[in-house]
């Protein structure tokens, strides 16, 4: 009989979704209670899928999920209004300090990887690929030292002389924070004439209705709307290879606008069986991140996150 390695047992534990021996489920207890989540519209798609599958097993647990954006969710989290904050960026120092001031301890758990998709209208056949410098030309604010683009022709002389129509994540979104830093070189630095929303479906609609529009959001929203949008391949510099936000390119880091996705869980909430079991289930169902359109973490990454969770519930 072949021996099971520690890694092999751990993989089986994750893959088959076995509850921990000390859990309420393992002890045959029927779960009830409430789990309050809010935050990123990007991570919402994963949390929603996890909640739907969890409810099939535990109908007595009420799970609420808001989409206030990462910033909006964090404000609620630091004010002790949530059990879980969905986040498409890391918690900021000011938010961590607010948690400490309010006596809130938490654990940061990565749940997936995401390639931040830059999208254009389906009729756009002139800009299938752009460099980060060209994206900066489009999204950076006009200043004394920087002249941004007003038309597509300003981006590339071969492009149409048509005005840019820009849509993207709202300013309460972690996607907004990440995109502005990755493209413009400074978090929250962006031109003021773009249309922003914490609801990515609004961005989908805006870009799909204008042949000269561009937008950005998590790759899952592109995957769900491929019939009306094109994704732009991105290169770090002119002359380098262009990459689309595919699973392989995101995991390898070749796609220039890749990021981790998180849930922040209040440690005190983990004392409640409903919250503890929900988070445990969340971490075991990495397949739901993939089905939601994001990139599943590797087994070793998942094991590291599982260790952090186990330490938090002790």
C-alpha atoms as a PDB file:
ATOM      1  CA  UNK A   1       0.000   0.000   0.000  1.00  0.00           C
ATOM      2  CA  UNK A   2       1.420   3.366  -1.026  1.00  0.00           C
ATOM      3  CA  UNK A   3       2.003   5.906   1.692  1.00  0.00           C
ATOM      4  CA  UNK A   4       0.178   9.202   1.533  1.00  0.00           C
ATOM      5  CA  UNK A   5       2.461  12.206   1.713  1.00  0.00           C
ATOM      6  CA  UNK A   6       1.520  15.196   3.826  1.00  0.00           C
ATOM      7  CA  UNK A   7       1.044  17.220   0.652  1.00  0.00           C
ATOM      8  CA  UNK A   8      -1.105  14.470  -0.845  1.00  0.00           C
ATOM      9  CA  UNK A   9      -3.383  14.374   2.180  1.00  0.00           C
ATOM     10  CA  UNK A  10      -3.681  18.145   2.133  1.00  0.00           C
ATOM     11  CA  UNK A  11      -4.563  18.140  -1.562  1.00  0.00           C
ATOM     12  CA  UNK A  12      -7.237  15.525  -0.964  1.00  0.00           C
ATOM     13  CA  UNK A  13      -8.592  17.533   1.968  1.00  0.00           C
ATOM     14  CA  UNK A  14      -8.950  20.607  -0.243  1.00  0.00           C
ATOM     15  CA  UNK A  15     -10.148  18.777  -3.334  1.00  0.00           C
ATOM     16  CA  UNK A  16     -12.873  16.717  -1.699  1.00  0.00           C
ATOM     17  CA  UNK A  17     -14.181  19.499   0.526  1.00  0.00           C
ATOM     18  CA  UNK A  18     -13.879  17.670   3.848  1.00  0.00           C
ATOM     19  CA  UNK A  19     -14.837  19.738   6.876  1.00  0.00           C
ATOM     20  CA  UNK A  20     -12.282  19.935   9.669  1.00  0.00           C
ATOM     21  CA  UNK A  21     -12.825  17.433  12.530  1.00  0.00           C
ATOM     22  CA  UNK A  22     -13.638  20.202  15.018  1.00  0.00           C
ATOM     23  CA  UNK A  23     -16.205  21.906  12.780  1.00  0.00           C
ATOM     24  CA  UNK A  24     -19.902  22.086  13.511  1.00  0.00           C
ATOM     25  CA  UNK A  25     -20.630  20.119  10.345  1.00  0.00           C
ATOM     26  CA  UNK A  26     -18.255  17.301  11.299  1.00  0.00           C
ATOM     27  CA  UNK A  27     -20.004  17.061  14.658  1.00  0.00           C
ATOM     28  CA  UNK A  28     -23.382  16.674  12.966  1.00  0.00           C
ATOM     29  CA  UNK A  29     -24.768  20.053  14.038  1.00  0.00           C
ATOM     30  CA  UNK A  30     -27.284  21.888  11.876  1.00  0.00           C
ATOM     31  CA  UNK A  31     -26.000  25.314  10.933  1.00  0.00           C
ATOM     32  CA  UNK A  32     -27.956  28.545  11.316  1.00  0.00           C
ATOM     33  CA  UNK A  33     -27.077  32.182  11.689  1.00  0.00           C
ATOM     34  CA  UNK A  34     -25.959  35.070   9.511  1.00  0.00           C
ATOM     35  CA  UNK A  35     -22.919  36.000   7.424  1.00  0.00           C
ATOM     36  CA  UNK A  36     -22.556  39.636   6.339  1.00  0.00           C
ATOM     37  CA  UNK A  37     -20.347  40.369   3.324  1.00  0.00           C
ATOM     38  CA  UNK A  38     -19.770  43.525   1.286  1.00  0.00           C
ATOM     39  CA  UNK A  39     -17.088  45.134  -0.838  1.00  0.00           C
ATOM     40  CA  UNK A  40     -15.566  44.494  -4.239  1.00  0.00           C
ATOM     41  CA  UNK A  41     -17.854  43.904  -7.220  1.00  0.00           C
ATOM     42  CA  UNK A  42     -14.999  41.828  -8.668  1.00  0.00           C
ATOM     43  CA  UNK A  43     -14.796  39.432  -5.715  1.00  0.00           C
ATOM     44  CA  UNK A  44     -18.599  39.512  -5.453  1.00  0.00           C
ATOM     45  CA  UNK A  45     -18.840  37.041  -8.337  1.00  0.00           C
ATOM     46  CA  UNK A  46     -16.808  34.484  -6.387  1.00  0.00           C
ATOM     47  CA  UNK A  47     -18.546  35.121  -3.065  1.00  0.00           C
ATOM     48  CA  UNK A  48     -21.936  34.852  -4.743  1.00  0.00           C
ATOM     49  CA  UNK A  49     -21.021  31.483  -6.280  1.00  0.00           C
ATOM     50  CA  UNK A  50     -19.652  30.230  -2.957  1.00  0.00           C
ATOM     51  CA  UNK A  51     -22.779  31.397  -1.100  1.00  0.00           C
ATOM     52  CA  UNK A  52     -25.120  29.709  -3.591  1.00  0.00           C
ATOM     53  CA  UNK A  53     -23.325  26.378  -3.202  1.00  0.00           C
ATOM     54  CA  UNK A  54     -23.006  26.740   0.568  1.00  0.00           C
ATOM     55  CA  UNK A  55     -26.753  27.405   0.890  1.00  0.00           C
ATOM     56  CA  UNK A  56     -27.480  24.086  -0.821  1.00  0.00           C
ATOM     57  CA  UNK A  57     -25.835  22.397   2.165  1.00  0.00           C
ATOM     58  CA  UNK A  58     -26.851  24.863   4.877  1.00  0.00           C
ATOM     59  CA  UNK A  59     -30.197  26.425   4.043  1.00  0.00           C
ATOM     60  CA  UNK A  60     -30.521  27.794   7.583  1.00  0.00           C
ATOM     61  CA  UNK A  61     -27.655  30.256   7.125  1.00  0.00           C
ATOM     62  CA  UNK A  62     -28.582  33.710   5.838  1.00  0.00           C
ATOM     63  CA  UNK A  63     -25.796  35.220   3.699  1.00  0.00           C
ATOM     64  CA  UNK A  64     -25.982  38.867   2.593  1.00  0.00           C
ATOM     65  CA  UNK A  65     -23.561  40.140  -0.062  1.00  0.00           C
ATOM     66  CA  UNK A  66     -23.242  43.800  -0.999  1.00  0.00           C
ATOM     67  CA  UNK A  67     -21.237  45.487  -3.763  1.00  0.00           C
ATOM     68  CA  UNK A  68     -20.173  48.816  -2.247  1.00  0.00           C
ATOM     69  CA  UNK A  69     -16.725  48.529  -3.828  1.00  0.00           C
ATOM     70  CA  UNK A  70     -13.589  47.635  -1.884  1.00  0.00           C
ATOM     71  CA  UNK A  71     -13.357  51.093  -0.334  1.00  0.00           C
ATOM     72  CA  UNK A  72     -17.026  51.121   0.635  1.00  0.00           C
ATOM     73  CA  UNK A  73     -16.758  47.629   2.062  1.00  0.00           C
ATOM     74  CA  UNK A  74     -13.664  48.560   4.055  1.00  0.00           C
ATOM     75  CA  UNK A  75     -15.467  51.519   5.628  1.00  0.00           C
ATOM     76  CA  UNK A  76     -18.176  49.150   6.833  1.00  0.00           C
ATOM     77  CA  UNK A  77     -15.614  46.556   7.936  1.00  0.00           C
ATOM     78  CA  UNK A  78     -13.632  48.990  10.100  1.00  0.00           C
ATOM     79  CA  UNK A  79     -16.919  50.197  11.612  1.00  0.00           C
ATOM     80  CA  UNK A  80     -17.711  46.639  12.717  1.00  0.00           C
ATOM     81  CA  UNK A  81     -20.670  46.255  10.338  1.00  0.00           C
ATOM     82  CA  UNK A  82     -19.402  43.185   8.429  1.00  0.00           C
ATOM     83  CA  UNK A  83     -18.051  39.707   8.957  1.00  0.00           C
ATOM     84  CA  UNK A  84     -16.271  39.645   5.599  1.00  0.00           C
ATOM     85  CA  UNK A  85     -14.996  42.353   3.261  1.00  0.00           C
ATOM     86  CA  UNK A  86     -14.485  41.321  -0.365  1.00  0.00           C
ATOM     87  CA  UNK A  87     -11.398  43.161  -1.640  1.00  0.00           C
ATOM     88  CA  UNK A  88      -9.729  43.499  -5.025  1.00  0.00           C
ATOM     89  CA  UNK A  89      -6.711  45.161  -3.401  1.00  0.00           C
ATOM     90  CA  UNK A  90      -4.817  44.867  -0.147  1.00  0.00           C
ATOM     91  CA  UNK A  91      -6.106  46.681   2.894  1.00  0.00           C
ATOM     92  CA  UNK A  92      -4.550  50.140   3.166  1.00  0.00           C
ATOM     93  CA  UNK A  93      -2.492  51.195   6.190  1.00  0.00           C
ATOM     94  CA  UNK A  94      -5.114  53.762   7.174  1.00  0.00           C
ATOM     95  CA  UNK A  95      -7.796  51.044   7.126  1.00  0.00           C
ATOM     96  CA  UNK A  96      -5.652  48.667   9.185  1.00  0.00           C
ATOM     97  CA  UNK A  97      -5.037  51.429  11.729  1.00  0.00           C
ATOM     98  CA  UNK A  98      -8.780  52.136  11.908  1.00  0.00           C
ATOM     99  CA  UNK A  99      -9.414  48.447  12.588  1.00  0.00           C
ATOM    100  CA  UNK A 100      -6.864  48.484  15.396  1.00  0.00           C
ATOM    101  CA  UNK A 101      -8.379  51.639  16.872  1.00  0.00           C
ATOM    102  CA  UNK A 102     -11.811  49.989  16.851  1.00  0.00           C
ATOM    103  CA  UNK A 103     -10.528  46.730  18.351  1.00  0.00           C
ATOM    104  CA  UNK A 104     -11.136  44.715  15.177  1.00  0.00           C
ATOM    105  CA  UNK A 105      -8.751  41.832  14.516  1.00  0.00           C
ATOM    106  CA  UNK A 106      -8.879  40.203  11.091  1.00  0.00           C
ATOM    107  CA  UNK A 107      -7.223  37.703   8.780  1.00  0.00           C
ATOM    108  CA  UNK A 108      -6.371  38.405   5.131  1.00  0.00           C
ATOM    109  CA  UNK A 109      -7.099  35.437   2.854  1.00  0.00           C
ATOM    110  CA  UNK A 110      -6.319  35.392  -0.850  1.00  0.00           C
ATOM    111  CA  UNK A 111      -9.037  33.573  -2.809  1.00  0.00           C
ATOM    112  CA  UNK A 112      -8.015  33.924  -6.488  1.00  0.00           C
ATOM    113  CA  UNK A 113      -5.963  35.748  -9.119  1.00  0.00           C
ATOM    114  CA  UNK A 114      -7.371  38.232 -11.595  1.00  0.00           C
ATOM    115  CA  UNK A 115      -6.213  39.801 -14.831  1.00  0.00           C
ATOM    116  CA  UNK A 116      -7.638  43.298 -15.033  1.00  0.00           C
ATOM    117  CA  UNK A 117      -9.188  43.395 -18.507  1.00  0.00           C
ATOM    118  CA  UNK A 118      -9.031  46.441 -20.783  1.00  0.00           C
ATOM    119  CA  UNK A 119     -11.978  46.183 -23.165  1.00  0.00           C
ATOM    120  CA  UNK A 120     -13.273  47.918 -26.271  1.00  0.00           C
ATOM    121  CA  UNK A 121     -16.420  47.680 -28.352  1.00  0.00           C
ATOM    122  CA  UNK A 122     -16.913  44.612 -30.525  1.00  0.00           C
ATOM    123  CA  UNK A 123     -16.741  46.802 -33.647  1.00  0.00           C
ATOM    124  CA  UNK A 124     -13.306  48.114 -32.679  1.00  0.00           C
ATOM    125  CA  UNK A 125     -10.897  46.371 -35.067  1.00  0.00           C
ATOM    126  CA  UNK A 126      -8.126  48.997 -34.950  1.00  0.00           C
ATOM    127  CA  UNK A 127      -6.839  48.606 -31.368  1.00  0.00           C
ATOM    128  CA  UNK A 128      -6.463  44.893 -30.594  1.00  0.00           C
ATOM    129  CA  UNK A 129      -3.269  45.589 -28.647  1.00  0.00           C
ATOM    130  CA  UNK A 130      -1.783  48.534 -26.738  1.00  0.00           C
ATOM    131  CA  UNK A 131       1.273  49.240 -24.619  1.00  0.00           C
ATOM    132  CA  UNK A 132       1.098  50.489 -21.038  1.00  0.00           C
ATOM    133  CA  UNK A 133       2.381  53.834 -22.328  1.00  0.00           C
ATOM    134  CA  UNK A 134      -0.540  54.064 -24.754  1.00  0.00           C
ATOM    135  CA  UNK A 135      -2.980  53.201 -21.981  1.00  0.00           C
ATOM    136  CA  UNK A 136      -1.399  55.924 -19.871  1.00  0.00           C
ATOM    137  CA  UNK A 137      -1.893  58.350 -22.760  1.00  0.00           C
ATOM    138  CA  UNK A 138      -5.590  57.471 -22.651  1.00  0.00           C
ATOM    139  CA  UNK A 139      -6.228  57.390 -18.892  1.00  0.00           C
ATOM    140  CA  UNK A 140      -3.789  59.881 -17.351  1.00  0.00           C
ATOM    141  CA  UNK A 141      -5.158  63.360 -16.527  1.00  0.00           C
ATOM    142  CA  UNK A 142      -4.104  66.290 -18.674  1.00  0.00           C
ATOM    143  CA  UNK A 143      -1.437  68.323 -16.842  1.00  0.00           C
ATOM    144  CA  UNK A 144       1.175  70.974 -17.625  1.00  0.00           C
ATOM    145  CA  UNK A 145       3.733  68.196 -18.121  1.00  0.00           C
ATOM    146  CA  UNK A 146       1.505  65.543 -19.688  1.00  0.00           C
ATOM    147  CA  UNK A 147      -0.807  65.828 -22.684  1.00  0.00           C
ATOM    148  CA  UNK A 148      -3.394  63.077 -22.715  1.00  0.00           C
ATOM    149  CA  UNK A 149      -5.377  61.757 -25.668  1.00  0.00           C
ATOM    150  CA  UNK A 150      -8.719  63.217 -26.642  1.00  0.00           C
ATOM    151  CA  UNK A 151      -9.233  61.099 -29.747  1.00  0.00           C
ATOM    152  CA  UNK A 152      -8.110  57.651 -30.809  1.00  0.00           C
ATOM    153  CA  UNK A 153      -5.843  59.346 -33.361  1.00  0.00           C
ATOM    154  CA  UNK A 154      -3.974  60.970 -30.470  1.00  0.00           C
ATOM    155  CA  UNK A 155      -3.077  57.462 -29.266  1.00  0.00           C
ATOM    156  CA  UNK A 156      -1.857  56.243 -32.650  1.00  0.00           C
ATOM    157  CA  UNK A 157      -1.917  58.236 -35.928  1.00  0.00           C
ATOM    158  CA  UNK A 158      -3.332  55.191 -37.727  1.00  0.00           C
ATOM    159  CA  UNK A 159      -6.397  55.111 -35.458  1.00  0.00           C
ATOM    160  CA  UNK A 160      -9.672  56.933 -36.307  1.00  0.00           C
ATOM    161  CA  UNK A 161     -10.034  60.616 -35.506  1.00  0.00           C
ATOM    162  CA  UNK A 162     -12.924  59.884 -33.140  1.00  0.00           C
ATOM    163  CA  UNK A 163     -13.333  61.023 -29.511  1.00  0.00           C
ATOM    164  CA  UNK A 164     -12.560  58.584 -26.719  1.00  0.00           C
ATOM    165  CA  UNK A 165     -15.487  57.442 -24.562  1.00  0.00           C
ATOM    166  CA  UNK A 166     -14.096  56.048 -21.330  1.00  0.00           C
ATOM    167  CA  UNK A 167     -15.757  53.843 -18.732  1.00  0.00           C
ATOM    168  CA  UNK A 168     -14.281  52.182 -15.676  1.00  0.00           C
ATOM    169  CA  UNK A 169     -14.476  51.261 -12.039  1.00  0.00           C
ATOM    170  CA  UNK A 170     -15.756  53.885  -9.602  1.00  0.00           C
ATOM    171  CA  UNK A 171     -13.515  55.551  -7.043  1.00  0.00           C
ATOM    172  CA  UNK A 172     -14.719  53.328  -4.191  1.00  0.00           C
ATOM    173  CA  UNK A 173     -13.466  50.284  -6.088  1.00  0.00           C
ATOM    174  CA  UNK A 174     -10.242  48.390  -5.458  1.00  0.00           C
ATOM    175  CA  UNK A 175     -10.140  47.875  -9.209  1.00  0.00           C
ATOM    176  CA  UNK A 176      -9.930  51.659  -9.606  1.00  0.00           C
ATOM    177  CA  UNK A 177      -7.045  51.869  -7.124  1.00  0.00           C
ATOM    178  CA  UNK A 178      -5.116  49.051  -8.776  1.00  0.00           C
ATOM    179  CA  UNK A 179      -5.677  50.184 -12.374  1.00  0.00           C
ATOM    180  CA  UNK A 180      -4.638  53.782 -11.747  1.00  0.00           C
ATOM    181  CA  UNK A 181      -1.433  52.702  -9.999  1.00  0.00           C
ATOM    182  CA  UNK A 182      -0.536  50.069 -12.631  1.00  0.00           C
ATOM    183  CA  UNK A 183      -1.279  52.308 -15.628  1.00  0.00           C
ATOM    184  CA  UNK A 184      -0.806  55.906 -14.459  1.00  0.00           C
ATOM    185  CA  UNK A 185       1.900  55.257 -11.886  1.00  0.00           C
ATOM    186  CA  UNK A 186      -0.031  56.627  -8.918  1.00  0.00           C
ATOM    187  CA  UNK A 187      -3.069  55.299  -7.099  1.00  0.00           C
ATOM    188  CA  UNK A 188      -6.293  57.263  -7.775  1.00  0.00           C
ATOM    189  CA  UNK A 189      -4.667  59.418 -10.488  1.00  0.00           C
ATOM    190  CA  UNK A 190      -7.053  59.506 -13.461  1.00  0.00           C
ATOM    191  CA  UNK A 191      -8.631  61.901 -15.942  1.00  0.00           C
ATOM    192  CA  UNK A 192     -11.893  63.367 -14.702  1.00  0.00           C
ATOM    193  CA  UNK A 193     -13.986  62.951 -17.850  1.00  0.00           C
ATOM    194  CA  UNK A 194     -14.318  59.178 -17.627  1.00  0.00           C
ATOM    195  CA  UNK A 195     -17.565  57.590 -16.400  1.00  0.00           C
ATOM    196  CA  UNK A 196     -17.061  55.478 -13.280  1.00  0.00           C
ATOM    197  CA  UNK A 197     -19.265  52.957 -11.506  1.00  0.00           C
ATOM    198  CA  UNK A 198     -18.873  50.402  -8.719  1.00  0.00           C
ATOM    199  CA  UNK A 199     -21.222  48.184 -10.779  1.00  0.00           C
ATOM    200  CA  UNK A 200     -19.150  46.618 -13.573  1.00  0.00           C
ATOM    201  CA  UNK A 201     -22.301  45.830 -15.542  1.00  0.00           C
ATOM    202  CA  UNK A 202     -22.723  49.583 -16.076  1.00  0.00           C
ATOM    203  CA  UNK A 203     -19.263  49.654 -17.659  1.00  0.00           C
ATOM    204  CA  UNK A 204     -20.158  46.678 -19.879  1.00  0.00           C
ATOM    205  CA  UNK A 205     -23.262  48.510 -21.133  1.00  0.00           C
ATOM    206  CA  UNK A 206     -21.396  51.769 -21.731  1.00  0.00           C
ATOM    207  CA  UNK A 207     -18.611  50.185 -23.778  1.00  0.00           C
ATOM    208  CA  UNK A 208     -20.910  47.865 -25.727  1.00  0.00           C
ATOM    209  CA  UNK A 209     -23.050  50.790 -26.944  1.00  0.00           C
ATOM    210  CA  UNK A 210     -20.246  52.969 -28.342  1.00  0.00           C
ATOM    211  CA  UNK A 211     -17.831  51.737 -31.051  1.00  0.00           C
ATOM    212  CA  UNK A 212     -15.166  54.168 -29.791  1.00  0.00           C
ATOM    213  CA  UNK A 213     -15.453  53.348 -26.093  1.00  0.00           C
ATOM    214  CA  UNK A 214     -12.940  51.714 -23.765  1.00  0.00           C
ATOM    215  CA  UNK A 215     -13.350  50.364 -20.244  1.00  0.00           C
ATOM    216  CA  UNK A 216     -11.636  48.297 -17.553  1.00  0.00           C
ATOM    217  CA  UNK A 217     -12.745  45.752 -14.933  1.00  0.00           C
ATOM    218  CA  UNK A 218     -12.004  42.237 -13.671  1.00  0.00           C
ATOM    219  CA  UNK A 219     -11.583  39.654 -16.427  1.00  0.00           C
ATOM    220  CA  UNK A 220     -14.704  37.722 -15.390  1.00  0.00           C
ATOM    221  CA  UNK A 221     -16.927  40.513 -16.680  1.00  0.00           C
ATOM    222  CA  UNK A 222     -15.206  40.320 -20.068  1.00  0.00           C
ATOM    223  CA  UNK A 223     -15.563  36.537 -20.135  1.00  0.00           C
ATOM    224  CA  UNK A 224     -19.300  36.875 -19.490  1.00  0.00           C
ATOM    225  CA  UNK A 225     -19.697  39.491 -22.242  1.00  0.00           C
ATOM    226  CA  UNK A 226     -17.437  38.270 -25.051  1.00  0.00           C
ATOM    227  CA  UNK A 227     -20.234  38.670 -27.588  1.00  0.00           C
ATOM    228  CA  UNK A 228     -20.313  42.448 -27.175  1.00  0.00           C
ATOM    229  CA  UNK A 229     -16.739  43.284 -26.139  1.00  0.00           C
ATOM    230  CA  UNK A 230     -13.166  42.723 -27.301  1.00  0.00           C
ATOM    231  CA  UNK A 231     -10.283  42.401 -24.870  1.00  0.00           C
ATOM    232  CA  UNK A 232      -7.082  44.361 -25.541  1.00  0.00           C
ATOM    233  CA  UNK A 233      -3.716  42.589 -25.390  1.00  0.00           C
ATOM    234  CA  UNK A 234      -1.197  44.618 -23.370  1.00  0.00           C
ATOM    235  CA  UNK A 235       2.599  44.930 -23.562  1.00  0.00           C
ATOM    236  CA  UNK A 236       4.790  46.433 -20.852  1.00  0.00           C
ATOM    237  CA  UNK A 237       6.814  48.360 -23.434  1.00  0.00           C
ATOM    238  CA  UNK A 238       6.840  48.995 -27.182  1.00  0.00           C
ATOM    239  CA  UNK A 239       8.669  46.176 -28.913  1.00  0.00           C
ATOM    240  CA  UNK A 240       7.810  43.627 -26.229  1.00  0.00           C
ATOM    241  CA  UNK A 241       5.280  40.832 -26.577  1.00  0.00           C
ATOM    242  CA  UNK A 242       1.583  41.555 -26.055  1.00  0.00           C
ATOM    243  CA  UNK A 243      -0.414  39.367 -23.670  1.00  0.00           C
ATOM    244  CA  UNK A 244      -4.113  38.860 -23.057  1.00  0.00           C
ATOM    245  CA  UNK A 245      -5.397  38.187 -19.509  1.00  0.00           C
ATOM    246  CA  UNK A 246      -5.549  34.401 -19.886  1.00  0.00           C
ATOM    247  CA  UNK A 247      -5.154  32.035 -16.939  1.00  0.00           C
ATOM    248  CA  UNK A 248      -1.598  31.081 -17.930  1.00  0.00           C
ATOM    249  CA  UNK A 249      -0.527  34.699 -18.520  1.00  0.00           C
ATOM    250  CA  UNK A 250      -2.001  35.889 -15.211  1.00  0.00           C
ATOM    251  CA  UNK A 251      -0.411  33.102 -13.140  1.00  0.00           C
ATOM    252  CA  UNK A 252       2.970  33.572 -14.816  1.00  0.00           C
ATOM    253  CA  UNK A 253       2.863  37.348 -14.368  1.00  0.00           C
ATOM    254  CA  UNK A 254       3.347  37.937 -18.097  1.00  0.00           C
ATOM    255  CA  UNK A 255       0.116  39.902 -18.326  1.00  0.00           C
ATOM    256  CA  UNK A 256       1.099  43.369 -17.015  1.00  0.00           C
ATOM    257  CA  UNK A 257      -2.124  44.118 -15.117  1.00  0.00           C
ATOM    258  CA  UNK A 258      -2.542  41.056 -12.875  1.00  0.00           C
ATOM    259  CA  UNK A 259      -3.497  41.081  -9.190  1.00  0.00           C
ATOM    260  CA  UNK A 260      -4.559  38.876  -6.249  1.00  0.00           C
ATOM    261  CA  UNK A 261      -8.129  38.935  -4.904  1.00  0.00           C
ATOM    262  CA  UNK A 262      -8.916  38.735  -1.179  1.00  0.00           C
ATOM    263  CA  UNK A 263     -11.477  38.335   1.521  1.00  0.00           C
ATOM    264  CA  UNK A 264     -10.825  40.001   4.888  1.00  0.00           C
ATOM    265  CA  UNK A 265     -12.500  38.143   7.743  1.00  0.00           C
ATOM    266  CA  UNK A 266     -13.097  39.510  11.221  1.00  0.00           C
ATOM    267  CA  UNK A 267     -11.445  37.106  13.666  1.00  0.00           C
ATOM    268  CA  UNK A 268     -14.244  37.512  16.222  1.00  0.00           C
ATOM    269  CA  UNK A 269     -16.776  36.455  13.584  1.00  0.00           C
ATOM    270  CA  UNK A 270     -14.925  33.146  13.107  1.00  0.00           C
ATOM    271  CA  UNK A 271     -16.107  32.155  16.607  1.00  0.00           C
ATOM    272  CA  UNK A 272     -19.596  31.837  15.081  1.00  0.00           C
ATOM    273  CA  UNK A 273     -20.055  28.435  13.376  1.00  0.00           C
ATOM    274  CA  UNK A 274     -21.933  29.866  10.385  1.00  0.00           C
ATOM    275  CA  UNK A 275     -19.108  32.272   9.502  1.00  0.00           C
ATOM    276  CA  UNK A 276     -16.357  29.761  10.245  1.00  0.00           C
ATOM    277  CA  UNK A 277     -17.934  27.060   8.079  1.00  0.00           C
ATOM    278  CA  UNK A 278     -18.656  29.526   5.273  1.00  0.00           C
ATOM    279  CA  UNK A 279     -15.024  30.678   5.119  1.00  0.00           C
ATOM    280  CA  UNK A 280     -13.808  27.079   5.396  1.00  0.00           C
ATOM    281  CA  UNK A 281     -16.066  26.146   2.469  1.00  0.00           C
ATOM    282  CA  UNK A 282     -14.894  29.218   0.522  1.00  0.00           C
ATOM    283  CA  UNK A 283     -11.249  28.153   0.772  1.00  0.00           C
ATOM    284  CA  UNK A 284     -11.996  24.550  -0.213  1.00  0.00           C
ATOM    285  CA  UNK A 285     -13.946  25.536  -3.325  1.00  0.00           C
ATOM    286  CA  UNK A 286     -11.248  27.149  -5.441  1.00  0.00           C
ATOM    287  CA  UNK A 287     -13.040  25.701  -8.446  1.00  0.00           C
ATOM    288  CA  UNK A 288     -15.780  28.297  -7.939  1.00  0.00           C
ATOM    289  CA  UNK A 289     -13.269  31.117  -8.479  1.00  0.00           C
ATOM    290  CA  UNK A 290     -12.440  29.571 -11.831  1.00  0.00           C
ATOM    291  CA  UNK A 291     -16.093  29.066 -12.774  1.00  0.00           C
ATOM    292  CA  UNK A 292     -16.710  32.726 -11.890  1.00  0.00           C
ATOM    293  CA  UNK A 293     -14.145  33.694 -14.514  1.00  0.00           C
ATOM    294  CA  UNK A 294     -11.022  34.212 -12.404  1.00  0.00           C
ATOM    295  CA  UNK A 295      -7.788  32.269 -12.007  1.00  0.00           C
ATOM    296  CA  UNK A 296      -7.649  29.556  -9.368  1.00  0.00           C
ATOM    297  CA  UNK A 297      -4.679  29.616  -7.012  1.00  0.00           C
ATOM    298  CA  UNK A 298      -2.096  26.839  -7.126  1.00  0.00           C
ATOM    299  CA  UNK A 299      -2.295  24.029  -4.592  1.00  0.00           C
ATOM    300  CA  UNK A 300       0.690  25.362  -2.635  1.00  0.00           C
ATOM    301  CA  UNK A 301      -0.806  28.859  -2.542  1.00  0.00           C
ATOM    302  CA  UNK A 302      -4.078  27.396  -1.285  1.00  0.00           C
ATOM    303  CA  UNK A 303      -2.251  25.449   1.431  1.00  0.00           C
ATOM    304  CA  UNK A 304      -0.545  28.617   2.665  1.00  0.00           C
ATOM    305  CA  UNK A 305      -3.884  30.416   2.872  1.00  0.00           C
ATOM    306  CA  UNK A 306      -5.452  27.414   4.610  1.00  0.00           C
ATOM    307  CA  UNK A 307      -2.695  27.554   7.237  1.00  0.00           C
ATOM    308  CA  UNK A 308      -3.482  31.231   7.900  1.00  0.00           C
ATOM    309  CA  UNK A 309      -7.171  30.400   8.297  1.00  0.00           C
ATOM    310  CA  UNK A 310      -6.458  27.504  10.671  1.00  0.00           C
ATOM    311  CA  UNK A 311      -4.299  29.758  12.827  1.00  0.00           C
ATOM    312  CA  UNK A 312      -7.054  32.389  12.928  1.00  0.00           C
ATOM    313  CA  UNK A 313      -9.707  29.972  14.204  1.00  0.00           C
ATOM    314  CA  UNK A 314      -7.590  28.563  17.016  1.00  0.00           C
END
